[in-house]
Amino acid sequence: MARVGEPMVKLLLSWDIKPGKEMDYFDFIVKEFAPGLMKLGIQLTEAWYTIFGDGPQILTGGVTEDLETMRDILQSEEWLELKSKLLQFVTNFKQKVVPARSRFQL
């Protein structure tokens, strides 16, 4: 539960899937990445797959109760290992932490 006065924070992630890695990528996302984020304490809130237009192919987000929790997660060995595995399947990876809002965020 968020501390009084401390808003929930959201981790925003974006990337493009490497050509030829799509099947392995989706297998990894379903079996390891999404469950791994949840195990770390990030509650997934959205995932977007861009089919047409400019911008990242994948946008996803998840929240934690406060900034301290998010910082602890993003500095953990478990997150670094999960991110390292993801980078085998993607390019143009970006991440940022922002105050959580109920609407779509970039």
PDB file of N, CA and C in Angstrom:
ATOM      1  N   MET A   1       0.840  -1.171   0.000  1.00  0.00           N
ATOM      2  CA  MET A   1       0.000   0.000   0.000  1.00  0.00           C
ATOM      3  C   MET A   1       0.891   1.242   0.000  1.00  0.00           C
ATOM      4  N   ALA A   2       0.533   2.244  -0.791  1.00  0.00           N
ATOM      5  CA  ALA A   2       1.330   3.459  -0.887  1.00  0.00           C
ATOM      6  C   ALA A   2       1.294   4.206   0.433  1.00  0.00           C
ATOM      7  N   ARG A   3       2.428   4.814   0.763  1.00  0.00           N
ATOM      8  CA  ARG A   3       2.485   5.633   1.966  1.00  0.00           C
ATOM      9  C   ARG A   3       1.709   6.919   1.722  1.00  0.00           C
ATOM     10  N   VAL A   4       1.158   7.492   2.777  1.00  0.00           N
ATOM     11  CA  VAL A   4       0.395   8.730   2.659  1.00  0.00           C
ATOM     12  C   VAL A   4       1.286   9.798   2.040  1.00  0.00           C
ATOM     13  N   GLY A   5       0.788  10.439   0.992  1.00  0.00           N
ATOM     14  CA  GLY A   5       1.539  11.494   0.334  1.00  0.00           C
ATOM     15  C   GLY A   5       2.489  11.006  -0.743  1.00  0.00           C
ATOM     16  N   GLU A   6       2.705   9.695  -0.832  1.00  0.00           N
ATOM     17  CA  GLU A   6       3.588   9.146  -1.861  1.00  0.00           C
ATOM     18  C   GLU A   6       2.748   8.458  -2.920  1.00  0.00           C
ATOM     19  N   PRO A   7       2.791   8.991  -4.142  1.00  0.00           N
ATOM     20  CA  PRO A   7       1.989   8.382  -5.200  1.00  0.00           C
ATOM     21  C   PRO A   7       2.591   7.068  -5.693  1.00  0.00           C
ATOM     22  N   MET A   8       1.734   6.239  -6.255  1.00  0.00           N
ATOM     23  CA  MET A   8       2.232   5.042  -6.920  1.00  0.00           C
ATOM     24  C   MET A   8       3.080   5.496  -8.099  1.00  0.00           C
ATOM     25  N   VAL A   9       4.032   4.679  -8.480  1.00  0.00           N
ATOM     26  CA  VAL A   9       4.862   5.005  -9.633  1.00  0.00           C
ATOM     27  C   VAL A   9       4.717   3.919 -10.685  1.00  0.00           C
ATOM     28  N   LYS A  10       4.956   4.316 -11.933  1.00  0.00           N
ATOM     29  CA  LYS A  10       4.802   3.396 -13.040  1.00  0.00           C
ATOM     30  C   LYS A  10       6.118   3.257 -13.795  1.00  0.00           C
ATOM     31  N   LEU A  11       6.461   2.032 -14.105  1.00  0.00           N
ATOM     32  CA  LEU A  11       7.591   1.721 -14.956  1.00  0.00           C
ATOM     33  C   LEU A  11       7.061   1.607 -16.379  1.00  0.00           C
ATOM     34  N   LEU A  12       7.571   2.456 -17.267  1.00  0.00           N
ATOM     35  CA  LEU A  12       7.192   2.404 -18.674  1.00  0.00           C
ATOM     36  C   LEU A  12       8.345   1.793 -19.450  1.00  0.00           C
ATOM     37  N   LEU A  13       8.048   0.778 -20.228  1.00  0.00           N
ATOM     38  CA  LEU A  13       9.046   0.085 -21.031  1.00  0.00           C
ATOM     39  C   LEU A  13       8.616   0.109 -22.488  1.00  0.00           C
ATOM     40  N   SER A  14       9.586   0.262 -23.387  1.00  0.00           N
ATOM     41  CA  SER A  14       9.279   0.178 -24.819  1.00  0.00           C
ATOM     42  C   SER A  14      10.452  -0.469 -25.538  1.00  0.00           C
ATOM     43  N   TRP A  15      10.138  -1.125 -26.658  1.00  0.00           N
ATOM     44  CA  TRP A  15      11.164  -1.774 -27.467  1.00  0.00           C
ATOM     45  C   TRP A  15      10.573  -2.230 -28.784  1.00  0.00           C
ATOM     46  N   ASP A  16      11.475  -2.706 -29.654  1.00  0.00           N
ATOM     47  CA  ASP A  16      11.111  -3.338 -30.921  1.00  0.00           C
ATOM     48  C   ASP A  16      11.632  -4.768 -30.875  1.00  0.00           C
ATOM     49  N   ILE A  17      10.865  -5.673 -31.442  1.00  0.00           N
ATOM     50  CA  ILE A  17      11.273  -7.085 -31.483  1.00  0.00           C
ATOM     51  C   ILE A  17      12.266  -7.270 -32.629  1.00  0.00           C
ATOM     52  N   LYS A  18      13.368  -7.974 -32.361  1.00  0.00           N
ATOM     53  CA  LYS A  18      14.357  -8.240 -33.407  1.00  0.00           C
ATOM     54  C   LYS A  18      13.727  -9.112 -34.488  1.00  0.00           C
ATOM     55  N   PRO A  19      13.948  -8.777 -35.754  1.00  0.00           N
ATOM     56  CA  PRO A  19      13.436  -9.616 -36.841  1.00  0.00           C
ATOM     57  C   PRO A  19      13.940 -11.052 -36.702  1.00  0.00           C
ATOM     58  N   GLY A  20      13.037 -11.998 -36.920  1.00  0.00           N
ATOM     59  CA  GLY A  20      13.375 -13.408 -36.824  1.00  0.00           C
ATOM     60  C   GLY A  20      13.330 -13.970 -35.411  1.00  0.00           C
ATOM     61  N   LYS A  21      13.094 -13.118 -34.415  1.00  0.00           N
ATOM     62  CA  LYS A  21      13.065 -13.562 -33.016  1.00  0.00           C
ATOM     63  C   LYS A  21      11.655 -13.582 -32.443  1.00  0.00           C
ATOM     64  N   GLU A  22      10.656 -13.324 -33.270  1.00  0.00           N
ATOM     65  CA  GLU A  22       9.286 -13.143 -32.780  1.00  0.00           C
ATOM     66  C   GLU A  22       8.763 -14.330 -31.964  1.00  0.00           C
ATOM     67  N   MET A  23       8.924 -15.535 -32.452  1.00  0.00           N
ATOM     68  CA  MET A  23       8.391 -16.707 -31.743  1.00  0.00           C
ATOM     69  C   MET A  23       9.085 -16.888 -30.387  1.00  0.00           C
ATOM     70  N   ASP A  24      10.405 -16.812 -30.382  1.00  0.00           N
ATOM     71  CA  ASP A  24      11.150 -16.944 -29.129  1.00  0.00           C
ATOM     72  C   ASP A  24      10.810 -15.804 -28.176  1.00  0.00           C
ATOM     73  N   TYR A  25      10.645 -14.594 -28.728  1.00  0.00           N
ATOM     74  CA  TYR A  25      10.289 -13.428 -27.923  1.00  0.00           C
ATOM     75  C   TYR A  25       8.959 -13.648 -27.207  1.00  0.00           C
ATOM     76  N   PHE A  26       7.918 -13.999 -27.950  1.00  0.00           N
ATOM     77  CA  PHE A  26       6.606 -14.171 -27.334  1.00  0.00           C
ATOM     78  C   PHE A  26       6.607 -15.302 -26.308  1.00  0.00           C
ATOM     79  N   ASP A  27       7.343 -16.351 -26.573  1.00  0.00           N
ATOM     80  CA  ASP A  27       7.472 -17.445 -25.610  1.00  0.00           C
ATOM     81  C   ASP A  27       8.120 -16.934 -24.322  1.00  0.00           C
ATOM     82  N   PHE A  28       9.200 -16.169 -24.453  1.00  0.00           N
ATOM     83  CA  PHE A  28       9.885 -15.595 -23.295  1.00  0.00           C
ATOM     84  C   PHE A  28       8.974 -14.656 -22.514  1.00  0.00           C
ATOM     85  N   ILE A  29       8.245 -13.791 -23.209  1.00  0.00           N
ATOM     86  CA  ILE A  29       7.379 -12.814 -22.543  1.00  0.00           C
ATOM     87  C   ILE A  29       6.317 -13.520 -21.697  1.00  0.00           C
ATOM     88  N   VAL A  30       5.681 -14.531 -22.282  1.00  0.00           N
ATOM     89  CA  VAL A  30       4.595 -15.224 -21.589  1.00  0.00           C
ATOM     90  C   VAL A  30       5.108 -16.099 -20.442  1.00  0.00           C
ATOM     91  N   LYS A  31       6.207 -16.800 -20.674  1.00  0.00           N
ATOM     92  CA  LYS A  31       6.670 -17.767 -19.681  1.00  0.00           C
ATOM     93  C   LYS A  31       7.618 -17.197 -18.633  1.00  0.00           C
ATOM     94  N   GLU A  32       8.367 -16.134 -18.972  1.00  0.00           N
ATOM     95  CA  GLU A  32       9.372 -15.633 -18.035  1.00  0.00           C
ATOM     96  C   GLU A  32       9.221 -14.155 -17.684  1.00  0.00           C
ATOM     97  N   PHE A  33       9.104 -13.284 -18.694  1.00  0.00           N
ATOM     98  CA  PHE A  33       9.170 -11.855 -18.423  1.00  0.00           C
ATOM     99  C   PHE A  33       7.985 -11.350 -17.600  1.00  0.00           C
ATOM    100  N   ALA A  34       6.772 -11.582 -18.079  1.00  0.00           N
ATOM    101  CA  ALA A  34       5.592 -11.099 -17.346  1.00  0.00           C
ATOM    102  C   ALA A  34       5.507 -11.733 -15.951  1.00  0.00           C
ATOM    103  N   PRO A  35       5.650 -13.061 -15.831  1.00  0.00           N
ATOM    104  CA  PRO A  35       5.632 -13.639 -14.486  1.00  0.00           C
ATOM    105  C   PRO A  35       6.777 -13.123 -13.606  1.00  0.00           C
ATOM    106  N   GLY A  36       7.933 -12.868 -14.224  1.00  0.00           N
ATOM    107  CA  GLY A  36       9.076 -12.352 -13.476  1.00  0.00           C
ATOM    108  C   GLY A  36       8.821 -10.964 -12.919  1.00  0.00           C
ATOM    109  N   LEU A  37       8.212 -10.094 -13.730  1.00  0.00           N
ATOM    110  CA  LEU A  37       7.874  -8.756 -13.245  1.00  0.00           C
ATOM    111  C   LEU A  37       6.914  -8.835 -12.066  1.00  0.00           C
ATOM    112  N   MET A  38       5.921  -9.692 -12.193  1.00  0.00           N
ATOM    113  CA  MET A  38       4.940  -9.823 -11.113  1.00  0.00           C
ATOM    114  C   MET A  38       5.594 -10.380  -9.848  1.00  0.00           C
ATOM    115  N   LYS A  39       6.486 -11.335 -10.012  1.00  0.00           N
ATOM    116  CA  LYS A  39       7.197 -11.904  -8.859  1.00  0.00           C
ATOM    117  C   LYS A  39       8.050 -10.843  -8.167  1.00  0.00           C
ATOM    118  N   LEU A  40       8.609  -9.922  -8.944  1.00  0.00           N
ATOM    119  CA  LEU A  40       9.422  -8.847  -8.375  1.00  0.00           C
ATOM    120  C   LEU A  40       8.579  -7.819  -7.629  1.00  0.00           C
ATOM    121  N   GLY A  41       7.282  -7.784  -7.911  1.00  0.00           N
ATOM    122  CA  GLY A  41       6.409  -6.838  -7.234  1.00  0.00           C
ATOM    123  C   GLY A  41       5.868  -5.731  -8.117  1.00  0.00           C
ATOM    124  N   ILE A  42       6.047  -5.868  -9.419  1.00  0.00           N
ATOM    125  CA  ILE A  42       5.492  -4.895 -10.358  1.00  0.00           C
ATOM    126  C   ILE A  42       4.156  -5.424 -10.854  1.00  0.00           C
ATOM    127  N   GLN A  43       3.107  -4.646 -10.630  1.00  0.00           N
ATOM    128  CA  GLN A  43       1.769  -5.026 -11.084  1.00  0.00           C
ATOM    129  C   GLN A  43       1.602  -4.503 -12.509  1.00  0.00           C
ATOM    130  N   LEU A  44       1.498  -5.405 -13.462  1.00  0.00           N
ATOM    131  CA  LEU A  44       1.357  -5.007 -14.864  1.00  0.00           C
ATOM    132  C   LEU A  44       0.019  -4.313 -15.079  1.00  0.00           C
ATOM    133  N   THR A  45       0.044  -3.210 -15.811  1.00  0.00           N
ATOM    134  CA  THR A  45      -1.167  -2.429 -16.033  1.00  0.00           C
ATOM    135  C   THR A  45      -1.577  -2.363 -17.494  1.00  0.00           C
ATOM    136  N   GLU A  46      -0.618  -2.531 -18.393  1.00  0.00           N
ATOM    137  CA  GLU A  46      -0.950  -2.452 -19.813  1.00  0.00           C
ATOM    138  C   GLU A  46       0.172  -3.030 -20.656  1.00  0.00           C
ATOM    139  N   ALA A  47      -0.204  -3.419 -21.867  1.00  0.00           N
ATOM    140  CA  ALA A  47       0.756  -3.847 -22.879  1.00  0.00           C
ATOM    141  C   ALA A  47       0.143  -3.509 -24.239  1.00  0.00           C
ATOM    142  N   TRP A  48       0.908  -2.847 -25.069  1.00  0.00           N
ATOM    143  CA  TRP A  48       0.440  -2.398 -26.382  1.00  0.00           C
ATOM    144  C   TRP A  48       1.378  -2.914 -27.460  1.00  0.00           C
ATOM    145  N   TYR A  49       0.812  -3.386 -28.530  1.00  0.00           N
ATOM    146  CA  TYR A  49       1.566  -3.874 -29.678  1.00  0.00           C
ATOM    147  C   TYR A  49       1.219  -2.978 -30.854  1.00  0.00           C
ATOM    148  N   THR A  50       2.200  -2.245 -31.360  1.00  0.00           N
ATOM    149  CA  THR A  50       1.980  -1.328 -32.468  1.00  0.00           C
ATOM    150  C   THR A  50       2.120  -2.087 -33.783  1.00  0.00           C
ATOM    151  N   ILE A  51       1.075  -2.054 -34.578  1.00  0.00           N
ATOM    152  CA  ILE A  51       1.091  -2.737 -35.868  1.00  0.00           C
ATOM    153  C   ILE A  51       1.442  -1.774 -36.992  1.00  0.00           C
ATOM    154  N   PHE A  52       0.893  -0.567 -36.940  1.00  0.00           N
ATOM    155  CA  PHE A  52       1.130   0.440 -37.976  1.00  0.00           C
ATOM    156  C   PHE A  52       1.637   1.724 -37.357  1.00  0.00           C
ATOM    157  N   GLY A  53       2.447   2.462 -38.113  1.00  0.00           N
ATOM    158  CA  GLY A  53       2.883   3.778 -37.673  1.00  0.00           C
ATOM    159  C   GLY A  53       4.265   3.783 -37.045  1.00  0.00           C
ATOM    160  N   ASP A  54       4.687   4.978 -36.701  1.00  0.00           N
ATOM    161  CA  ASP A  54       5.986   5.174 -36.081  1.00  0.00           C
ATOM    162  C   ASP A  54       5.897   4.913 -34.583  1.00  0.00           C
ATOM    163  N   GLY A  55       7.040   4.775 -33.982  1.00  0.00           N
ATOM    164  CA  GLY A  55       7.084   4.562 -32.538  1.00  0.00           C
ATOM    165  C   GLY A  55       7.484   3.144 -32.218  1.00  0.00           C
ATOM    166  N   PRO A  56       7.649   2.870 -30.942  1.00  0.00           N
ATOM    167  CA  PRO A  56       8.064   1.532 -30.524  1.00  0.00           C
ATOM    168  C   PRO A  56       7.006   0.479 -30.854  1.00  0.00           C
ATOM    169  N   GLN A  57       7.473  -0.704 -31.172  1.00  0.00           N
ATOM    170  CA  GLN A  57       6.567  -1.805 -31.487  1.00  0.00           C
ATOM    171  C   GLN A  57       5.813  -2.272 -30.239  1.00  0.00           C
ATOM    172  N   ILE A  58       6.493  -2.264 -29.098  1.00  0.00           N
ATOM    173  CA  ILE A  58       5.890  -2.711 -27.841  1.00  0.00           C
ATOM    174  C   ILE A  58       5.984  -1.592 -26.811  1.00  0.00           C
ATOM    175  N   LEU A  59       4.877  -1.349 -26.144  1.00  0.00           N
ATOM    176  CA  LEU A  59       4.823  -0.437 -24.992  1.00  0.00           C
ATOM    177  C   LEU A  59       4.166  -1.207 -23.864  1.00  0.00           C
ATOM    178  N   THR A  60       4.761  -1.177 -22.694  1.00  0.00           N
ATOM    179  CA  THR A  60       4.167  -1.860 -21.561  1.00  0.00           C
ATOM    180  C   THR A  60       4.422  -1.063 -20.289  1.00  0.00           C
ATOM    181  N   GLY A  61       3.581  -1.275 -19.304  1.00  0.00           N
ATOM    182  CA  GLY A  61       3.735  -0.551 -18.054  1.00  0.00           C
ATOM    183  C   GLY A  61       3.296  -1.382 -16.863  1.00  0.00           C
ATOM    184  N   GLY A  62       3.867  -1.041 -15.732  1.00  0.00           N
ATOM    185  CA  GLY A  62       3.497  -1.690 -14.488  1.00  0.00           C
ATOM    186  C   GLY A  62       3.773  -0.763 -13.322  1.00  0.00           C
ATOM    187  N   VAL A  63       3.053  -0.944 -12.248  1.00  0.00           N
ATOM    188  CA  VAL A  63       3.152  -0.036 -11.109  1.00  0.00           C
ATOM    189  C   VAL A  63       3.672  -0.735  -9.853  1.00  0.00           C
ATOM    190  N   THR A  64       4.242   0.104  -8.990  1.00  0.00           N
ATOM    191  CA  THR A  64       4.568  -0.293  -7.622  1.00  0.00           C
ATOM    192  C   THR A  64       3.965   0.756  -6.697  1.00  0.00           C
ATOM    193  N   GLU A  65       3.941   0.421  -5.427  1.00  0.00           N
ATOM    194  CA  GLU A  65       3.285   1.283  -4.447  1.00  0.00           C
ATOM    195  C   GLU A  65       3.999   2.611  -4.236  1.00  0.00           C
ATOM    196  N   ASP A  66       5.327   2.628  -4.431  1.00  0.00           N
ATOM    197  CA  ASP A  66       6.066   3.874  -4.208  1.00  0.00           C
ATOM    198  C   ASP A  66       7.407   3.814  -4.932  1.00  0.00           C
ATOM    199  N   LEU A  67       8.080   4.958  -4.983  1.00  0.00           N
ATOM    200  CA  LEU A  67       9.344   5.078  -5.700  1.00  0.00           C
ATOM    201  C   LEU A  67      10.435   4.215  -5.083  1.00  0.00           C
ATOM    202  N   GLU A  68      10.477   4.137  -3.775  1.00  0.00           N
ATOM    203  CA  GLU A  68      11.502   3.334  -3.109  1.00  0.00           C
ATOM    204  C   GLU A  68      11.402   1.860  -3.517  1.00  0.00           C
ATOM    205  N   THR A  69      10.184   1.349  -3.566  1.00  0.00           N
ATOM    206  CA  THR A  69       9.980  -0.044  -3.986  1.00  0.00           C
ATOM    207  C   THR A  69      10.454  -0.241  -5.422  1.00  0.00           C
ATOM    208  N   MET A  70      10.101   0.699  -6.305  1.00  0.00           N
ATOM    209  CA  MET A  70      10.516   0.596  -7.706  1.00  0.00           C
ATOM    210  C   MET A  70      12.037   0.642  -7.820  1.00  0.00           C
ATOM    211  N   ARG A  71      12.668   1.542  -7.093  1.00  0.00           N
ATOM    212  CA  ARG A  71      14.138   1.629  -7.134  1.00  0.00           C
ATOM    213  C   ARG A  71      14.779   0.316  -6.683  1.00  0.00           C
ATOM    214  N   ASP A  72      14.245  -0.244  -5.601  1.00  0.00           N
ATOM    215  CA  ASP A  72      14.788  -1.511  -5.105  1.00  0.00           C
ATOM    216  C   ASP A  72      14.668  -2.606  -6.159  1.00  0.00           C
ATOM    217  N   ILE A  73      13.527  -2.670  -6.816  1.00  0.00           N
ATOM    218  CA  ILE A  73      13.314  -3.684  -7.849  1.00  0.00           C
ATOM    219  C   ILE A  73      14.289  -3.487  -8.999  1.00  0.00           C
ATOM    220  N   LEU A  74      14.414  -2.238  -9.491  1.00  0.00           N
ATOM    221  CA  LEU A  74      15.247  -1.969 -10.669  1.00  0.00           C
ATOM    222  C   LEU A  74      16.737  -2.096 -10.384  1.00  0.00           C
ATOM    223  N   GLN A  75      17.112  -2.171  -9.116  1.00  0.00           N
ATOM    224  CA  GLN A  75      18.520  -2.383  -8.759  1.00  0.00           C
ATOM    225  C   GLN A  75      18.800  -3.840  -8.374  1.00  0.00           C
ATOM    226  N   SER A  76      17.765  -4.664  -8.411  1.00  0.00           N
ATOM    227  CA  SER A  76      17.925  -6.059  -7.983  1.00  0.00           C
ATOM    228  C   SER A  76      18.581  -6.910  -9.066  1.00  0.00           C
ATOM    229  N   GLU A  77      19.264  -7.938  -8.620  1.00  0.00           N
ATOM    230  CA  GLU A  77      19.878  -8.905  -9.546  1.00  0.00           C
ATOM    231  C   GLU A  77      18.811  -9.572 -10.410  1.00  0.00           C
ATOM    232  N   GLU A  78      17.649  -9.837  -9.815  1.00  0.00           N
ATOM    233  CA  GLU A  78      16.572 -10.499 -10.552  1.00  0.00           C
ATOM    234  C   GLU A  78      16.109  -9.645 -11.741  1.00  0.00           C
ATOM    235  N   TRP A  79      15.936  -8.322 -11.530  1.00  0.00           N
ATOM    236  CA  TRP A  79      15.534  -7.436 -12.624  1.00  0.00           C
ATOM    237  C   TRP A  79      16.634  -7.373 -13.684  1.00  0.00           C
ATOM    238  N   LEU A  80      17.881  -7.233 -13.249  1.00  0.00           N
ATOM    239  CA  LEU A  80      18.975  -7.130 -14.214  1.00  0.00           C
ATOM    240  C   LEU A  80      19.073  -8.390 -15.069  1.00  0.00           C
ATOM    241  N   GLU A  81      18.833  -9.545 -14.478  1.00  0.00           N
ATOM    242  CA  GLU A  81      18.856 -10.803 -15.230  1.00  0.00           C
ATOM    243  C   GLU A  81      17.683 -10.878 -16.207  1.00  0.00           C
ATOM    244  N   LEU A  82      16.499 -10.498 -15.751  1.00  0.00           N
ATOM    245  CA  LEU A  82      15.310 -10.506 -16.606  1.00  0.00           C
ATOM    246  C   LEU A  82      15.489  -9.549 -17.783  1.00  0.00           C
ATOM    247  N   LYS A  83      15.992  -8.362 -17.513  1.00  0.00           N
ATOM    248  CA  LYS A  83      16.234  -7.362 -18.563  1.00  0.00           C
ATOM    249  C   LYS A  83      17.286  -7.866 -19.549  1.00  0.00           C
ATOM    250  N   SER A  84      18.333  -8.492 -19.039  1.00  0.00           N
ATOM    251  CA  SER A  84      19.391  -9.030 -19.897  1.00  0.00           C
ATOM    252  C   SER A  84      18.831 -10.086 -20.856  1.00  0.00           C
ATOM    253  N   LYS A  85      17.953 -10.938 -20.351  1.00  0.00           N
ATOM    254  CA  LYS A  85      17.323 -11.949 -21.209  1.00  0.00           C
ATOM    255  C   LYS A  85      16.440 -11.282 -22.260  1.00  0.00           C
ATOM    256  N   LEU A  86      15.670 -10.263 -21.848  1.00  0.00           N
ATOM    257  CA  LEU A  86      14.813  -9.543 -22.794  1.00  0.00           C
ATOM    258  C   LEU A  86      15.638  -8.939 -23.919  1.00  0.00           C
ATOM    259  N   LEU A  87      16.791  -8.382 -23.595  1.00  0.00           N
ATOM    260  CA  LEU A  87      17.625  -7.712 -24.593  1.00  0.00           C
ATOM    261  C   LEU A  87      18.157  -8.669 -25.665  1.00  0.00           C
ATOM    262  N   GLN A  88      18.067  -9.961 -25.438  1.00  0.00           N
ATOM    263  CA  GLN A  88      18.436 -10.936 -26.470  1.00  0.00           C
ATOM    264  C   GLN A  88      17.420 -10.948 -27.618  1.00  0.00           C
ATOM    265  N   PHE A  89      16.190 -10.473 -27.337  1.00  0.00           N
ATOM    266  CA  PHE A  89      15.106 -10.548 -28.305  1.00  0.00           C
ATOM    267  C   PHE A  89      14.674  -9.190 -28.856  1.00  0.00           C
ATOM    268  N   VAL A  90      15.179  -8.089 -28.283  1.00  0.00           N
ATOM    269  CA  VAL A  90      14.663  -6.771 -28.643  1.00  0.00           C
ATOM    270  C   VAL A  90      15.775  -5.766 -28.926  1.00  0.00           C
ATOM    271  N   THR A  91      15.396  -4.666 -29.601  1.00  0.00           N
ATOM    272  CA  THR A  91      16.271  -3.522 -29.817  1.00  0.00           C
ATOM    273  C   THR A  91      15.524  -2.273 -29.369  1.00  0.00           C
ATOM    274  N   ASN A  92      16.228  -1.171 -29.336  1.00  0.00           N
ATOM    275  CA  ASN A  92      15.629   0.126 -28.987  1.00  0.00           C
ATOM    276  C   ASN A  92      14.914   0.098 -27.639  1.00  0.00           C
ATOM    277  N   PHE A  93      15.477  -0.635 -26.691  1.00  0.00           N
ATOM    278  CA  PHE A  93      14.882  -0.747 -25.355  1.00  0.00           C
ATOM    279  C   PHE A  93      14.992   0.587 -24.625  1.00  0.00           C
ATOM    280  N   LYS A  94      13.888   1.004 -24.023  1.00  0.00           N
ATOM    281  CA  LYS A  94      13.870   2.210 -23.195  1.00  0.00           C
ATOM    282  C   LYS A  94      13.039   1.936 -21.957  1.00  0.00           C
ATOM    283  N   GLN A  95      13.441   2.555 -20.848  1.00  0.00           N
ATOM    284  CA  GLN A  95      12.667   2.439 -19.614  1.00  0.00           C
ATOM    285  C   GLN A  95      12.681   3.780 -18.908  1.00  0.00           C
ATOM    286  N   LYS A  96      11.571   4.080 -18.242  1.00  0.00           N
ATOM    287  CA  LYS A  96      11.523   5.265 -17.389  1.00  0.00           C
ATOM    288  C   LYS A  96      10.470   5.045 -16.319  1.00  0.00           C
ATOM    289  N   VAL A  97      10.666   5.741 -15.215  1.00  0.00           N
ATOM    290  CA  VAL A  97       9.737   5.671 -14.089  1.00  0.00           C
ATOM    291  C   VAL A  97       9.066   7.032 -13.967  1.00  0.00           C
ATOM    292  N   VAL A  98       7.740   7.004 -13.893  1.00  0.00           N
ATOM    293  CA  VAL A  98       6.946   8.230 -13.817  1.00  0.00           C
ATOM    294  C   VAL A  98       5.869   8.062 -12.747  1.00  0.00           C
ATOM    295  N   PRO A  99       5.301   9.185 -12.248  1.00  0.00           N
ATOM    296  CA  PRO A  99       4.149   9.050 -11.357  1.00  0.00           C
ATOM    297  C   PRO A  99       3.020   8.333 -12.095  1.00  0.00           C
ATOM    298  N   ALA A 100       2.377   7.402 -11.447  1.00  0.00           N
ATOM    299  CA  ALA A 100       1.313   6.619 -12.092  1.00  0.00           C
ATOM    300  C   ALA A 100       0.077   7.479 -12.318  1.00  0.00           C
ATOM    301  N   ARG A 101      -0.505   7.337 -13.490  1.00  0.00           N
ATOM    302  CA  ARG A 101      -1.771   7.986 -13.843  1.00  0.00           C
ATOM    303  C   ARG A 101      -2.720   6.902 -14.313  1.00  0.00           C
ATOM    304  N   SER A 102      -3.996   7.194 -14.294  1.00  0.00           N
ATOM    305  CA  SER A 102      -4.971   6.184 -14.711  1.00  0.00           C
ATOM    306  C   SER A 102      -5.122   6.122 -16.217  1.00  0.00           C
ATOM    307  N   ARG A 103      -4.586   7.093 -16.941  1.00  0.00           N
ATOM    308  CA  ARG A 103      -4.698   7.088 -18.394  1.00  0.00           C
ATOM    309  C   ARG A 103      -3.403   6.590 -19.031  1.00  0.00           C
ATOM    310  N   PHE A 104      -3.435   6.393 -20.338  1.00  0.00           N
ATOM    311  CA  PHE A 104      -2.271   5.920 -21.089  1.00  0.00           C
ATOM    312  C   PHE A 104      -1.115   6.900 -20.920  1.00  0.00           C
ATOM    313  N   GLN A 105       0.084   6.381 -20.721  1.00  0.00           N
ATOM    314  CA  GLN A 105       1.268   7.215 -20.528  1.00  0.00           C
ATOM    315  C   GLN A 105       2.379   6.802 -21.474  1.00  0.00           C
ATOM    316  N   LEU A 106       3.167   7.790 -21.888  1.00  0.00           N
ATOM    317  CA  LEU A 106       4.363   7.545 -22.709  1.00  0.00           C
ATOM    318  C   LEU A 106       5.596   7.968 -21.966  1.00  0.00           C
TER     319      LEU A 106
END
